[in-house]
């Protein structure tokens, strides 16, 4: 069967994958849904015979897959970073609001721009610092008795939702630079009131999560930034 063309620019990023078989299955699932950009961060195995065998007719994806040493290298050039998790919870240090793949696909379909879809290690998933790097967090509502899916199975569910979403209304997402400027400007205002606030770091982290989950557009970011800059000027905060 001829694979469909991708509906949008998506980069699949595997963090320290541990098994050739899973890498092969990932490539096959990507080809099934018409996605072909694969990055691997510090893979624990090489792409060998087993990976190619289980990729079946998707070996071309493995041939051009990029292997990098740092997560930042794998995310470079992407406008939005989407993490995946099988364990849902709330931390005192990081606010969690994961969404289902269906809701994620519906929300993301409204945006232009490239997204990185991040999958963690087969054994332990993404660590706290990697999760903090994400703008969005997706979880699959599986059984509470066994909520963690196989890597390629989880990828198939998420890519299915992305490929089958019919929403064609598109807006231009704020660039990474625009979102960073928005966050820095807000943070400088929080710093101005830090002595009067109970948890300034948590407030900053909350705003960053809101910016990521709201899928802010370039026009919206510019409008909010205009107001924040006026507040900074009123408070006589130095330029960033």
C-alpha atoms as a PDB file:
ATOM      1  CA  UNK A   1       0.000   0.000   0.000  1.00  0.00           C
ATOM      2  CA  UNK A   2       1.355   3.428  -0.917  1.00  0.00           C
ATOM      3  CA  UNK A   3       1.874   5.625   2.154  1.00  0.00           C
ATOM      4  CA  UNK A   4       0.062   8.917   2.447  1.00  0.00           C
ATOM      5  CA  UNK A   5       1.913  12.192   2.425  1.00  0.00           C
ATOM      6  CA  UNK A   6       2.387  13.807   5.817  1.00  0.00           C
ATOM      7  CA  UNK A   7      -0.378  16.190   6.915  1.00  0.00           C
ATOM      8  CA  UNK A   8       2.128  18.459   8.642  1.00  0.00           C
ATOM      9  CA  UNK A   9       5.849  18.712   9.458  1.00  0.00           C
ATOM     10  CA  UNK A  10       6.560  16.297  12.313  1.00  0.00           C
ATOM     11  CA  UNK A  11       9.905  15.059  13.597  1.00  0.00           C
ATOM     12  CA  UNK A  12       9.913  11.868  15.662  1.00  0.00           C
ATOM     13  CA  UNK A  13      12.569  11.986  18.374  1.00  0.00           C
ATOM     14  CA  UNK A  14      13.546   8.849  20.301  1.00  0.00           C
ATOM     15  CA  UNK A  15      15.553   9.432  23.475  1.00  0.00           C
ATOM     16  CA  UNK A  16      18.078   6.665  24.129  1.00  0.00           C
ATOM     17  CA  UNK A  17      16.140   3.820  22.445  1.00  0.00           C
ATOM     18  CA  UNK A  18      17.265   0.458  23.810  1.00  0.00           C
ATOM     19  CA  UNK A  19      16.115  -2.187  21.306  1.00  0.00           C
ATOM     20  CA  UNK A  20      16.671  -2.577  17.582  1.00  0.00           C
ATOM     21  CA  UNK A  21      13.287  -4.243  17.173  1.00  0.00           C
ATOM     22  CA  UNK A  22      11.499  -1.170  18.545  1.00  0.00           C
ATOM     23  CA  UNK A  23      13.474   1.149  16.284  1.00  0.00           C
ATOM     24  CA  UNK A  24      12.435  -0.966  13.316  1.00  0.00           C
ATOM     25  CA  UNK A  25       8.786  -0.967  14.370  1.00  0.00           C
ATOM     26  CA  UNK A  26       8.915   2.814  14.855  1.00  0.00           C
ATOM     27  CA  UNK A  27      10.142   3.272  11.279  1.00  0.00           C
ATOM     28  CA  UNK A  28       7.374   1.017   9.970  1.00  0.00           C
ATOM     29  CA  UNK A  29       4.671   2.927  11.877  1.00  0.00           C
ATOM     30  CA  UNK A  30       6.045   6.229  10.610  1.00  0.00           C
ATOM     31  CA  UNK A  31       5.847   4.976   7.022  1.00  0.00           C
ATOM     32  CA  UNK A  32       2.306   3.662   7.613  1.00  0.00           C
ATOM     33  CA  UNK A  33       1.108   7.182   8.381  1.00  0.00           C
ATOM     34  CA  UNK A  34       3.322   9.095   5.972  1.00  0.00           C
ATOM     35  CA  UNK A  35       5.940  10.554   8.316  1.00  0.00           C
ATOM     36  CA  UNK A  36       9.628  10.115   7.602  1.00  0.00           C
ATOM     37  CA  UNK A  37      11.838  12.335   9.798  1.00  0.00           C
ATOM     38  CA  UNK A  38      13.449  10.348  12.613  1.00  0.00           C
ATOM     39  CA  UNK A  39      16.029  11.556  15.141  1.00  0.00           C
ATOM     40  CA  UNK A  40      17.604   9.416  17.863  1.00  0.00           C
ATOM     41  CA  UNK A  41      19.393  10.814  20.905  1.00  0.00           C
ATOM     42  CA  UNK A  42      22.190   8.567  22.193  1.00  0.00           C
ATOM     43  CA  UNK A  43      20.686   5.251  21.048  1.00  0.00           C
ATOM     44  CA  UNK A  44      21.885   2.278  23.094  1.00  0.00           C
ATOM     45  CA  UNK A  45      22.058   0.072  19.997  1.00  0.00           C
ATOM     46  CA  UNK A  46      23.107   0.544  16.395  1.00  0.00           C
ATOM     47  CA  UNK A  47      20.687   0.379  13.506  1.00  0.00           C
ATOM     48  CA  UNK A  48      21.499  -3.139  12.402  1.00  0.00           C
ATOM     49  CA  UNK A  49      19.921  -6.172  10.778  1.00  0.00           C
ATOM     50  CA  UNK A  50      17.080  -6.547  13.308  1.00  0.00           C
ATOM     51  CA  UNK A  51      16.035  -2.921  13.009  1.00  0.00           C
ATOM     52  CA  UNK A  52      15.948  -3.137   9.215  1.00  0.00           C
ATOM     53  CA  UNK A  53      14.128  -6.477   9.274  1.00  0.00           C
ATOM     54  CA  UNK A  54      11.323  -5.203  11.516  1.00  0.00           C
ATOM     55  CA  UNK A  55      11.077  -1.941   9.589  1.00  0.00           C
ATOM     56  CA  UNK A  56       9.976  -4.036   6.569  1.00  0.00           C
ATOM     57  CA  UNK A  57       9.442  -1.558   3.692  1.00  0.00           C
ATOM     58  CA  UNK A  58      10.404   1.455   5.804  1.00  0.00           C
ATOM     59  CA  UNK A  59      14.165   0.897   5.768  1.00  0.00           C
ATOM     60  CA  UNK A  60      14.540   4.194   3.883  1.00  0.00           C
ATOM     61  CA  UNK A  61      13.534   5.982   7.099  1.00  0.00           C
ATOM     62  CA  UNK A  62      16.309   4.224   8.998  1.00  0.00           C
ATOM     63  CA  UNK A  63      18.835   5.041   6.280  1.00  0.00           C
ATOM     64  CA  UNK A  64      18.322   8.773   6.671  1.00  0.00           C
ATOM     65  CA  UNK A  65      17.654   8.795  10.440  1.00  0.00           C
ATOM     66  CA  UNK A  66      19.825  11.290  12.343  1.00  0.00           C
ATOM     67  CA  UNK A  67      21.754  10.218  15.459  1.00  0.00           C
ATOM     68  CA  UNK A  68      22.703  13.073  17.798  1.00  0.00           C
ATOM     69  CA  UNK A  69      24.341  13.338  21.206  1.00  0.00           C
ATOM     70  CA  UNK A  70      22.094  15.959  22.818  1.00  0.00           C
ATOM     71  CA  UNK A  71      18.361  16.490  22.984  1.00  0.00           C
ATOM     72  CA  UNK A  72      18.815  20.135  21.979  1.00  0.00           C
ATOM     73  CA  UNK A  73      20.397  19.001  18.706  1.00  0.00           C
ATOM     74  CA  UNK A  74      17.371  16.832  17.966  1.00  0.00           C
ATOM     75  CA  UNK A  75      14.946  19.682  18.671  1.00  0.00           C
ATOM     76  CA  UNK A  76      16.733  22.360  16.670  1.00  0.00           C
ATOM     77  CA  UNK A  77      14.486  23.808  13.957  1.00  0.00           C
ATOM     78  CA  UNK A  78      11.222  22.701  15.593  1.00  0.00           C
ATOM     79  CA  UNK A  79       8.602  25.242  16.665  1.00  0.00           C
ATOM     80  CA  UNK A  80       6.891  23.129  19.314  1.00  0.00           C
ATOM     81  CA  UNK A  81       8.102  20.230  21.473  1.00  0.00           C
ATOM     82  CA  UNK A  82       5.549  17.583  22.410  1.00  0.00           C
ATOM     83  CA  UNK A  83       6.417  15.025  25.064  1.00  0.00           C
ATOM     84  CA  UNK A  84       4.690  11.704  25.709  1.00  0.00           C
ATOM     85  CA  UNK A  85       4.146   9.932  29.008  1.00  0.00           C
ATOM     86  CA  UNK A  86       2.407   6.820  30.266  1.00  0.00           C
ATOM     87  CA  UNK A  87       2.369   8.011  33.859  1.00  0.00           C
ATOM     88  CA  UNK A  88       0.103  10.930  34.760  1.00  0.00           C
ATOM     89  CA  UNK A  89       0.593  12.929  37.920  1.00  0.00           C
ATOM     90  CA  UNK A  90       1.285  16.311  39.412  1.00  0.00           C
ATOM     91  CA  UNK A  91       4.607  17.460  40.775  1.00  0.00           C
ATOM     92  CA  UNK A  92       5.214  20.262  43.229  1.00  0.00           C
ATOM     93  CA  UNK A  93       7.950  21.564  40.972  1.00  0.00           C
ATOM     94  CA  UNK A  94       6.408  21.135  37.533  1.00  0.00           C
ATOM     95  CA  UNK A  95       2.739  21.595  36.687  1.00  0.00           C
ATOM     96  CA  UNK A  96       1.314  18.688  34.683  1.00  0.00           C
ATOM     97  CA  UNK A  97      -1.667  18.924  32.372  1.00  0.00           C
ATOM     98  CA  UNK A  98      -1.277  16.117  29.816  1.00  0.00           C
ATOM     99  CA  UNK A  99      -3.961  15.717  27.148  1.00  0.00           C
ATOM    100  CA  UNK A 100      -5.162  12.768  25.095  1.00  0.00           C
ATOM    101  CA  UNK A 101      -3.802  12.197  21.569  1.00  0.00           C
ATOM    102  CA  UNK A 102      -7.213  13.108  20.101  1.00  0.00           C
ATOM    103  CA  UNK A 103      -7.354  16.487  21.843  1.00  0.00           C
ATOM    104  CA  UNK A 104      -3.722  17.136  21.031  1.00  0.00           C
ATOM    105  CA  UNK A 105      -4.268  16.395  17.332  1.00  0.00           C
ATOM    106  CA  UNK A 106      -7.335  18.640  17.217  1.00  0.00           C
ATOM    107  CA  UNK A 107      -5.520  21.548  18.877  1.00  0.00           C
ATOM    108  CA  UNK A 108      -2.308  21.191  16.909  1.00  0.00           C
ATOM    109  CA  UNK A 109      -4.143  21.023  13.574  1.00  0.00           C
ATOM    110  CA  UNK A 110      -4.859  24.744  13.866  1.00  0.00           C
ATOM    111  CA  UNK A 111      -1.179  25.638  13.743  1.00  0.00           C
ATOM    112  CA  UNK A 112       1.451  25.887  11.076  1.00  0.00           C
ATOM    113  CA  UNK A 113       5.044  25.128  11.983  1.00  0.00           C
ATOM    114  CA  UNK A 114       7.139  22.079  12.735  1.00  0.00           C
ATOM    115  CA  UNK A 115       6.682  19.981  15.842  1.00  0.00           C
ATOM    116  CA  UNK A 116       8.954  17.483  17.541  1.00  0.00           C
ATOM    117  CA  UNK A 117       7.200  14.432  18.947  1.00  0.00           C
ATOM    118  CA  UNK A 118       9.362  13.181  21.799  1.00  0.00           C
ATOM    119  CA  UNK A 119       9.393   9.576  23.092  1.00  0.00           C
ATOM    120  CA  UNK A 120      11.468   8.469  26.088  1.00  0.00           C
ATOM    121  CA  UNK A 121      13.363   5.350  26.993  1.00  0.00           C
ATOM    122  CA  UNK A 122      11.527   2.023  26.868  1.00  0.00           C
ATOM    123  CA  UNK A 123      12.296   1.367  30.530  1.00  0.00           C
ATOM    124  CA  UNK A 124      11.995   4.754  32.226  1.00  0.00           C
ATOM    125  CA  UNK A 125      10.523   7.193  29.725  1.00  0.00           C
ATOM    126  CA  UNK A 126      11.516  10.870  29.731  1.00  0.00           C
ATOM    127  CA  UNK A 127      13.291  12.271  32.763  1.00  0.00           C
ATOM    128  CA  UNK A 128      12.195  15.438  34.577  1.00  0.00           C
ATOM    129  CA  UNK A 129      14.517  17.763  32.688  1.00  0.00           C
ATOM    130  CA  UNK A 130      13.371  16.379  29.338  1.00  0.00           C
ATOM    131  CA  UNK A 131       9.733  16.818  30.322  1.00  0.00           C
ATOM    132  CA  UNK A 132      10.458  20.413  31.340  1.00  0.00           C
ATOM    133  CA  UNK A 133      11.777  21.034  27.831  1.00  0.00           C
ATOM    134  CA  UNK A 134       8.379  20.122  26.373  1.00  0.00           C
ATOM    135  CA  UNK A 135       5.700  22.683  25.548  1.00  0.00           C
ATOM    136  CA  UNK A 136       2.975  20.055  25.492  1.00  0.00           C
ATOM    137  CA  UNK A 137       2.476  16.684  27.184  1.00  0.00           C
ATOM    138  CA  UNK A 138       0.403  13.863  25.696  1.00  0.00           C
ATOM    139  CA  UNK A 139      -0.766  10.695  27.430  1.00  0.00           C
ATOM    140  CA  UNK A 140      -2.753   7.715  26.178  1.00  0.00           C
ATOM    141  CA  UNK A 141      -5.662   6.762  28.491  1.00  0.00           C
ATOM    142  CA  UNK A 142      -4.751   3.102  28.940  1.00  0.00           C
ATOM    143  CA  UNK A 143      -5.603   0.730  31.787  1.00  0.00           C
ATOM    144  CA  UNK A 144      -4.596   1.932  35.247  1.00  0.00           C
ATOM    145  CA  UNK A 145      -3.279  -1.580  35.913  1.00  0.00           C
ATOM    146  CA  UNK A 146      -0.846  -1.361  32.993  1.00  0.00           C
ATOM    147  CA  UNK A 147      -0.725   2.186  31.549  1.00  0.00           C
ATOM    148  CA  UNK A 148       2.655   2.044  29.758  1.00  0.00           C
ATOM    149  CA  UNK A 149       2.426   1.061  26.078  1.00  0.00           C
ATOM    150  CA  UNK A 150       5.125  -0.346  23.848  1.00  0.00           C
ATOM    151  CA  UNK A 151       7.022   2.454  22.088  1.00  0.00           C
ATOM    152  CA  UNK A 152       5.784   1.727  18.575  1.00  0.00           C
ATOM    153  CA  UNK A 153       2.196   1.117  19.761  1.00  0.00           C
ATOM    154  CA  UNK A 154       2.105   4.508  21.467  1.00  0.00           C
ATOM    155  CA  UNK A 155       3.586   6.161  18.399  1.00  0.00           C
ATOM    156  CA  UNK A 156       0.964   4.520  16.166  1.00  0.00           C
ATOM    157  CA  UNK A 157      -1.883   5.929  18.256  1.00  0.00           C
ATOM    158  CA  UNK A 158      -0.489   9.466  18.254  1.00  0.00           C
ATOM    159  CA  UNK A 159       0.350   9.455  14.535  1.00  0.00           C
ATOM    160  CA  UNK A 160      -3.076   8.029  13.694  1.00  0.00           C
ATOM    161  CA  UNK A 161      -4.732  10.965  15.434  1.00  0.00           C
ATOM    162  CA  UNK A 162      -2.441  13.434  13.670  1.00  0.00           C
ATOM    163  CA  UNK A 163      -2.974  11.888  10.245  1.00  0.00           C
ATOM    164  CA  UNK A 164      -6.749  11.472  10.544  1.00  0.00           C
ATOM    165  CA  UNK A 165      -7.616  14.887  11.951  1.00  0.00           C
ATOM    166  CA  UNK A 166      -9.763  16.773   9.451  1.00  0.00           C
ATOM    167  CA  UNK A 167      -9.434  20.282  10.865  1.00  0.00           C
ATOM    168  CA  UNK A 168      -8.020  22.448   8.073  1.00  0.00           C
ATOM    169  CA  UNK A 169      -8.149  25.850   9.806  1.00  0.00           C
ATOM    170  CA  UNK A 170      -4.533  26.955  10.025  1.00  0.00           C
ATOM    171  CA  UNK A 171      -2.869  29.838  11.828  1.00  0.00           C
ATOM    172  CA  UNK A 172       0.805  30.685  12.082  1.00  0.00           C
ATOM    173  CA  UNK A 173       2.313  29.599  15.369  1.00  0.00           C
ATOM    174  CA  UNK A 174       4.575  31.949  17.253  1.00  0.00           C
ATOM    175  CA  UNK A 175       8.184  31.040  16.571  1.00  0.00           C
ATOM    176  CA  UNK A 176      10.445  29.683  19.291  1.00  0.00           C
ATOM    177  CA  UNK A 177      12.166  33.069  19.420  1.00  0.00           C
ATOM    178  CA  UNK A 178       8.836  34.896  19.829  1.00  0.00           C
ATOM    179  CA  UNK A 179       7.709  32.532  22.591  1.00  0.00           C
ATOM    180  CA  UNK A 180      11.049  32.862  24.380  1.00  0.00           C
ATOM    181  CA  UNK A 181      10.797  36.663  24.234  1.00  0.00           C
ATOM    182  CA  UNK A 182       7.281  36.458  25.666  1.00  0.00           C
ATOM    183  CA  UNK A 183       8.464  34.232  28.519  1.00  0.00           C
ATOM    184  CA  UNK A 184      11.537  36.352  29.278  1.00  0.00           C
ATOM    185  CA  UNK A 185       9.454  39.508  29.378  1.00  0.00           C
ATOM    186  CA  UNK A 186       6.931  37.920  31.751  1.00  0.00           C
ATOM    187  CA  UNK A 187       9.716  36.514  33.926  1.00  0.00           C
ATOM    188  CA  UNK A 188      11.318  39.921  34.307  1.00  0.00           C
ATOM    189  CA  UNK A 189       8.026  41.269  35.650  1.00  0.00           C
ATOM    190  CA  UNK A 190       7.750  38.349  38.087  1.00  0.00           C
ATOM    191  CA  UNK A 191      11.327  39.030  39.233  1.00  0.00           C
ATOM    192  CA  UNK A 192      10.341  42.616  39.968  1.00  0.00           C
ATOM    193  CA  UNK A 193       7.779  41.341  42.473  1.00  0.00           C
ATOM    194  CA  UNK A 194       9.712  38.272  43.664  1.00  0.00           C
ATOM    195  CA  UNK A 195       9.970  39.475  47.266  1.00  0.00           C
ATOM    196  CA  UNK A 196       6.175  39.760  47.425  1.00  0.00           C
ATOM    197  CA  UNK A 197       5.419  36.396  45.826  1.00  0.00           C
ATOM    198  CA  UNK A 198       5.366  33.005  47.513  1.00  0.00           C
ATOM    199  CA  UNK A 199       6.648  30.921  44.596  1.00  0.00           C
ATOM    200  CA  UNK A 200       8.021  33.079  41.759  1.00  0.00           C
ATOM    201  CA  UNK A 201       9.702  30.112  40.048  1.00  0.00           C
ATOM    202  CA  UNK A 202       6.434  28.184  39.988  1.00  0.00           C
ATOM    203  CA  UNK A 203       4.663  31.208  38.508  1.00  0.00           C
ATOM    204  CA  UNK A 204       7.265  31.404  35.745  1.00  0.00           C
ATOM    205  CA  UNK A 205       6.942  27.694  35.018  1.00  0.00           C
ATOM    206  CA  UNK A 206       3.157  27.998  34.966  1.00  0.00           C
ATOM    207  CA  UNK A 207       3.272  30.795  32.398  1.00  0.00           C
ATOM    208  CA  UNK A 208       5.660  28.803  30.223  1.00  0.00           C
ATOM    209  CA  UNK A 209       3.259  25.839  30.281  1.00  0.00           C
ATOM    210  CA  UNK A 210       0.309  28.074  29.433  1.00  0.00           C
ATOM    211  CA  UNK A 211       2.181  29.512  26.442  1.00  0.00           C
ATOM    212  CA  UNK A 212       2.965  26.004  25.231  1.00  0.00           C
ATOM    213  CA  UNK A 213      -0.475  24.474  25.760  1.00  0.00           C
ATOM    214  CA  UNK A 214      -2.378  27.448  24.349  1.00  0.00           C
ATOM    215  CA  UNK A 215      -0.579  27.067  20.987  1.00  0.00           C
ATOM    216  CA  UNK A 216      -0.184  30.847  20.856  1.00  0.00           C
ATOM    217  CA  UNK A 217      -0.083  32.348  17.367  1.00  0.00           C
ATOM    218  CA  UNK A 218       2.400  34.945  16.140  1.00  0.00           C
ATOM    219  CA  UNK A 219      -0.285  37.652  16.213  1.00  0.00           C
ATOM    220  CA  UNK A 220      -1.369  36.721  19.744  1.00  0.00           C
ATOM    221  CA  UNK A 221       2.224  36.637  20.969  1.00  0.00           C
ATOM    222  CA  UNK A 222       2.894  40.092  19.539  1.00  0.00           C
ATOM    223  CA  UNK A 223      -0.242  41.515  21.185  1.00  0.00           C
ATOM    224  CA  UNK A 224       0.580  40.057  24.611  1.00  0.00           C
ATOM    225  CA  UNK A 225       4.217  41.109  24.324  1.00  0.00           C
ATOM    226  CA  UNK A 226       3.151  44.682  23.590  1.00  0.00           C
ATOM    227  CA  UNK A 227       1.225  44.834  26.877  1.00  0.00           C
ATOM    228  CA  UNK A 228       3.999  43.178  28.885  1.00  0.00           C
ATOM    229  CA  UNK A 229       6.552  45.613  27.508  1.00  0.00           C
ATOM    230  CA  UNK A 230       4.369  48.541  28.537  1.00  0.00           C
ATOM    231  CA  UNK A 231       4.193  47.082  32.054  1.00  0.00           C
ATOM    232  CA  UNK A 232       7.977  46.718  32.087  1.00  0.00           C
ATOM    233  CA  UNK A 233       8.364  50.332  30.990  1.00  0.00           C
ATOM    234  CA  UNK A 234       5.963  51.496  33.695  1.00  0.00           C
ATOM    235  CA  UNK A 235       7.945  49.533  36.297  1.00  0.00           C
ATOM    236  CA  UNK A 236      11.210  50.925  34.866  1.00  0.00           C
ATOM    237  CA  UNK A 237      12.620  47.445  34.307  1.00  0.00           C
ATOM    238  CA  UNK A 238      15.797  47.454  32.229  1.00  0.00           C
ATOM    239  CA  UNK A 239      15.761  46.185  28.666  1.00  0.00           C
ATOM    240  CA  UNK A 240      16.147  42.427  28.151  1.00  0.00           C
END
